[in-house]
C-alpha atoms as a PDB file:
ATOM      1  CA  MET A   1      -0.183  -0.046   0.100  1.00  0.00           C
ATOM      2  CA  ARG A   2       1.541   3.279  -1.035  1.00  0.00           C
ATOM      3  CA  ASN A   3       0.367   6.339   0.860  1.00  0.00           C
ATOM      4  CA  SER A   4       0.936   9.885  -0.227  1.00  0.00           C
ATOM      5  CA  THR A   5      -1.869  12.408   0.177  1.00  0.00           C
ATOM      6  CA  HIS A   6      -2.469  16.264  -0.216  1.00  0.00           C
ATOM      7  CA  VAL A   7      -1.972  16.492   3.547  1.00  0.00           C
ATOM      8  CA  ILE A   8       1.006  14.111   4.018  1.00  0.00           C
ATOM      9  CA  PRO A   9       4.010  15.615   2.278  1.00  0.00           C
ATOM     10  CA  PHE A  10       5.728  12.363   1.821  1.00  0.00           C
ATOM     11  CA  ARG A  11       5.378   8.798   0.319  1.00  0.00           C
ATOM     12  CA  ILE A  12       5.398   5.767   2.224  1.00  0.00           C
ATOM     13  CA  GLN A  13       4.815   2.114   0.973  1.00  0.00           C
ATOM     14  CA  PHE A  14       4.112  -0.119   3.976  1.00  0.00           C
ATOM     15  CA  ARG A  15       5.666  -3.331   4.032  1.00  0.00           C
ATOM     16  CA  ALA A  16       5.246  -6.428   5.928  1.00  0.00           C
ATOM     17  CA  GLY A  17       7.464  -7.476   8.858  1.00  0.00           C
ATOM     18  CA  LEU A  18       8.390  -3.746   9.665  1.00  0.00           C
ATOM     19  CA  SER A  19       6.477  -1.740  12.123  1.00  0.00           C
ATOM     20  CA  LEU A  20       4.432   1.256  10.834  1.00  0.00           C
ATOM     21  CA  PHE A  21       6.028   3.153  13.392  1.00  0.00           C
ATOM     22  CA  GLU A  22       9.514   2.654  11.877  1.00  0.00           C
ATOM     23  CA  GLN A  23       8.189   2.930   8.589  1.00  0.00           C
ATOM     24  CA  VAL A  24       6.479   6.287   9.066  1.00  0.00           C
ATOM     25  CA  VAL A  25       9.612   7.635  11.114  1.00  0.00           C
ATOM     26  CA  TYR A  26      11.733   6.544   8.286  1.00  0.00           C
ATOM     27  CA  ALA A  27       9.782   8.227   5.518  1.00  0.00           C
ATOM     28  CA  SER A  28       9.633  11.482   7.782  1.00  0.00           C
ATOM     29  CA  LYS A  29      13.447  11.502   8.076  1.00  0.00           C
ATOM     30  CA  LYS A  30      13.854  10.868   4.414  1.00  0.00           C
ATOM     31  CA  ALA A  31      11.431  13.519   3.610  1.00  0.00           C
ATOM     32  CA  MET A  32      13.494  16.063   6.007  1.00  0.00           C
ATOM     33  CA  ILE A  33      16.766  14.856   4.738  1.00  0.00           C
ATOM     34  CA  SER A  34      16.008  15.132   1.114  1.00  0.00           C
ATOM     35  CA  GLY A  35      14.440  18.626   1.109  1.00  0.00           C
ATOM     36  CA  GLN A  36      11.158  17.408   1.056  1.00  0.00           C
ATOM     37  CA  LEU A  37       9.946  18.838   4.314  1.00  0.00           C
ATOM     38  CA  ARG A  38      11.999  22.035   4.962  1.00  0.00           C
ATOM     39  CA  PRO A  39      12.684  23.710   8.273  1.00  0.00           C
ATOM     40  CA  GLY A  40       9.400  25.794   9.178  1.00  0.00           C
ATOM     41  CA  ASP A  41       7.147  23.425   7.124  1.00  0.00           C
ATOM     42  CA  THR A  42       4.121  22.299   9.047  1.00  0.00           C
ATOM     43  CA  PHE A  43       4.142  18.505   9.770  1.00  0.00           C
ATOM     44  CA  PRO A  44       0.786  16.707   9.793  1.00  0.00           C
ATOM     45  CA  SER A  45      -0.959  16.697  13.087  1.00  0.00           C
ATOM     46  CA  VAL A  46      -1.557  13.400  14.939  1.00  0.00           C
ATOM     47  CA  ARG A  47      -5.123  13.181  13.890  1.00  0.00           C
ATOM     48  CA  VAL A  48      -4.093  13.789  10.025  1.00  0.00           C
ATOM     49  CA  LEU A  49      -1.334  11.181  10.248  1.00  0.00           C
ATOM     50  CA  SER A  50      -3.701   8.715  11.839  1.00  0.00           C
ATOM     51  CA  LYS A  51      -6.588   9.323   9.377  1.00  0.00           C
ATOM     52  CA  GLU A  52      -4.810   9.607   6.169  1.00  0.00           C
ATOM     53  CA  LEU A  53      -2.340   6.749   6.730  1.00  0.00           C
ATOM     54  CA  LYS A  54      -4.922   4.859   8.251  1.00  0.00           C
ATOM     55  CA  ILE A  55      -3.028   3.987  11.465  1.00  0.00           C
ATOM     56  CA  ASN A  56      -3.558   3.957  15.026  1.00  0.00           C
ATOM     57  CA  PRO A  57      -3.809   7.414  16.701  1.00  0.00           C
ATOM     58  CA  ASN A  58      -1.531   5.954  19.212  1.00  0.00           C
ATOM     59  CA  THR A  59       1.127   5.196  16.806  1.00  0.00           C
ATOM     60  CA  ALA A  60       0.578   8.736  14.940  1.00  0.00           C
ATOM     61  CA  ALA A  61       1.365  10.051  18.571  1.00  0.00           C
ATOM     62  CA  LYS A  62       4.274   7.973  19.236  1.00  0.00           C
ATOM     63  CA  ILE A  63       5.756   8.968  15.958  1.00  0.00           C
ATOM     64  CA  VAL A  64       5.502  12.840  16.349  1.00  0.00           C
ATOM     65  CA  ALA A  65       6.863  12.490  19.983  1.00  0.00           C
ATOM     66  CA  HIS A  66       9.684  10.501  18.768  1.00  0.00           C
ATOM     67  CA  LEU A  67      10.462  13.002  15.994  1.00  0.00           C
ATOM     68  CA  VAL A  68      10.165  15.854  18.573  1.00  0.00           C
ATOM     69  CA  SER A  69      12.256  14.153  20.987  1.00  0.00           C
ATOM     70  CA  GLU A  70      15.000  13.457  18.182  1.00  0.00           C
ATOM     71  CA  GLY A  71      14.839  17.269  17.599  1.00  0.00           C
ATOM     72  CA  LEU A  72      13.513  16.936  14.047  1.00  0.00           C
ATOM     73  CA  LEU A  73      10.167  18.358  14.886  1.00  0.00           C
ATOM     74  CA  GLU A  74       9.091  21.177  17.284  1.00  0.00           C
ATOM     75  CA  THR A  75       5.836  22.220  18.556  1.00  0.00           C
ATOM     76  CA  ARG A  76       4.721  25.890  18.841  1.00  0.00           C
ATOM     77  CA  PRO A  77       1.622  26.613  20.588  1.00  0.00           C
ATOM     78  CA  GLY A  78      -1.086  27.931  18.485  1.00  0.00           C
ATOM     79  CA  VAL A  79       0.909  26.980  15.111  1.00  0.00           C
ATOM     80  CA  GLY A  80       1.295  23.463  15.456  1.00  0.00           C
ATOM     81  CA  THR A  81       3.993  21.031  14.731  1.00  0.00           C
ATOM     82  CA  LEU A  82       6.812  22.285  12.543  1.00  0.00           C
ATOM     83  CA  VAL A  83      10.098  20.802  10.854  1.00  0.00           C
ATOM     84  CA  ALA A  84      12.742  21.927  12.962  1.00  0.00           C
ATOM     85  CA  PRO A  85      15.986  23.298  11.653  1.00  0.00           C
ATOM     86  CA  LEU A  86      18.803  20.717  11.303  1.00  0.00           C
ATOM     87  CA  PRO A  87      21.018  20.805  14.062  1.00  0.00           C
ATOM     88  CA  ASP A  88      24.407  22.027  13.435  1.00  0.00           C
ATOM     89  CA  SER A  89      27.003  19.172  13.581  1.00  0.00           C
ATOM     90  CA  THR A  90      29.958  17.774  11.920  1.00  0.00           C
ATOM     91  CA  ARG A  91      30.176  15.440   8.976  1.00  0.00           C
ATOM     92  CA  LYS A  92      31.436  12.802  11.572  1.00  0.00           C
ATOM     93  CA  GLU A  93      28.640  13.143  13.916  1.00  0.00           C
ATOM     94  CA  ARG A  94      25.837  12.986  11.071  1.00  0.00           C
ATOM     95  CA  THR A  95      27.756   9.724   9.690  1.00  0.00           C
ATOM     96  CA  GLN A  96      27.558   8.183  13.501  1.00  0.00           C
ATOM     97  CA  LEU A  97      23.808   8.457  13.253  1.00  0.00           C
ATOM     98  CA  LEU A  98      23.799   6.121  10.649  1.00  0.00           C
ATOM     99  CA  GLY A  99      25.988   3.513  12.608  1.00  0.00           C
ATOM    100  CA  GLN A 100      23.557   0.908  13.534  1.00  0.00           C
ATOM    101  CA  GLU A 101      21.722   1.061  10.299  1.00  0.00           C
ATOM    102  CA  ILE A 102      25.378   0.589   8.516  1.00  0.00           C
ATOM    103  CA  GLU A 103      26.390  -2.127  10.734  1.00  0.00           C
ATOM    104  CA  GLU A 104      23.106  -4.071   9.789  1.00  0.00           C
ATOM    105  CA  ILE A 105      23.538  -3.826   6.142  1.00  0.00           C
ATOM    106  CA  VAL A 106      27.003  -4.960   6.262  1.00  0.00           C
ATOM    107  CA  VAL A 107      25.954  -7.914   8.409  1.00  0.00           C
ATOM    108  CA  GLU A 108      23.129  -8.597   5.904  1.00  0.00           C
ATOM    109  CA  ALA A 109      25.462  -8.054   2.785  1.00  0.00           C
ATOM    110  CA  LYS A 110      28.099 -10.413   4.317  1.00  0.00           C
ATOM    111  CA  ARG A 111      25.427 -12.943   5.143  1.00  0.00           C
ATOM    112  CA  LEU A 112      24.163 -13.061   1.651  1.00  0.00           C
ATOM    113  CA  GLY A 113      27.962 -13.185   0.187  1.00  0.00           C
ATOM    114  CA  ILE A 114      27.654  -9.828  -1.329  1.00  0.00           C
ATOM    115  CA  GLY A 115      31.108  -8.004  -1.630  1.00  0.00           C
ATOM    116  CA  LEU A 116      32.244  -4.455  -0.751  1.00  0.00           C
ATOM    117  CA  ASP A 117      32.499  -3.412  -4.253  1.00  0.00           C
ATOM    118  CA  ASP A 118      29.110  -4.632  -5.328  1.00  0.00           C
ATOM    119  CA  MET A 119      27.667  -3.062  -2.004  1.00  0.00           C
ATOM    120  CA  LEU A 120      29.350   0.212  -2.882  1.00  0.00           C
ATOM    121  CA  ASP A 121      27.691   0.041  -6.444  1.00  0.00           C
ATOM    122  CA  SER A 122      24.437  -0.552  -4.954  1.00  0.00           C
ATOM    123  CA  ILE A 123      24.575   2.224  -2.547  1.00  0.00           C
ATOM    124  CA  THR A 124      25.772   4.677  -5.314  1.00  0.00           C
ATOM    125  CA  ASP A 125      22.812   3.497  -7.616  1.00  0.00           C
ATOM    126  CA  HIS A 126      20.366   4.109  -4.647  1.00  0.00           C
ATOM    127  CA  TRP A 127      22.094   7.504  -3.900  1.00  0.00           C
ATOM    128  CA  LYS A 128      21.702   8.506  -7.561  1.00  0.00           C
ATOM    129  CA  ARG A 129      18.214   7.217  -8.006  1.00  0.00           C
ATOM    130  CA  LEU A 130      17.038   9.201  -4.626  1.00  0.00           C
ATOM    131  CA  THR A 131      18.994  12.267  -5.674  1.00  0.00           C
ATOM    132  CA  ARG A 132      17.218  12.210  -9.137  1.00  0.00           C
ATOM    133  CA  ASP A 133      13.686  11.454  -7.510  1.00  0.00           C
ATOM    134  CA  ASP A 134      14.271  14.590  -5.048  1.00  0.00           C
ATOM    135  CA  LYS A 135      14.894  16.864  -8.012  1.00  0.00           C
ATOM    136  CA  GLY A 136      12.079  15.539 -10.147  1.00  0.00           C
ATOM    137  CA  ASP A 137      13.998  15.144 -13.163  1.00  0.00           C
ATOM    138  CA  SER A 138      16.136  12.251 -14.533  1.00  0.00           C
ATOM    139  CA  THR A 139      19.460  13.689 -14.517  1.00  0.00           C
ATOM    140  CA  PRO A 140      22.031  11.522 -12.440  1.00  0.00           C
ATOM    141  CA  ASN A 141      23.755  13.470  -9.552  1.00  0.00           C
ATOM    142  CA  ASP A 142      26.480  11.634  -7.479  1.00  0.00           C
ATOM    143  CA  GLY A 143      25.856  13.878  -4.517  1.00  0.00           C
ATOM    144  CA  GLY A 144      29.228  15.183  -4.708  1.00  0.00           C
ATOM    145  CA  ARG A 145      31.015  11.960  -4.664  1.00  0.00           C
ATOM    146  CA  LYS A 146      33.572  11.227  -7.373  1.00  0.00           C
ATOM    147  CA  GLU A 147      33.047   8.456  -9.664  1.00  0.00           C
ATOM    148  CA  ARG A 148      35.296   5.277  -9.243  1.00  0.00           C
END
């Protein structure tokens, strides 16, 4: 099931085997990182998230609370929940945020017998595809990484 509505500013494709909470949090972070949601943009309310994504209101509330606790959203009385400015951080600090996910990918790749070069090629392909999708065009973009 793919959800993207006029009030939910990001796309999400629910997959079996992953919690709805994790999938919506991931889609939200992806939208923020890619610039689809920018600092100061209004984030959907708990009620709107619940209704539009057809998820339990408690799950929607947990999603918003989680994103607020991570500093990605901020609540302003009388205004609502807004996308917060991304915190200033070093490249190393930002990279460390993905440490757990990278380790999981490496473990899974090794389990499947996928080598480092194949993984780098796959990551590069995904990077370029997502960069193209974000720009809404078909022009490949390496995101600043030099071709190997």
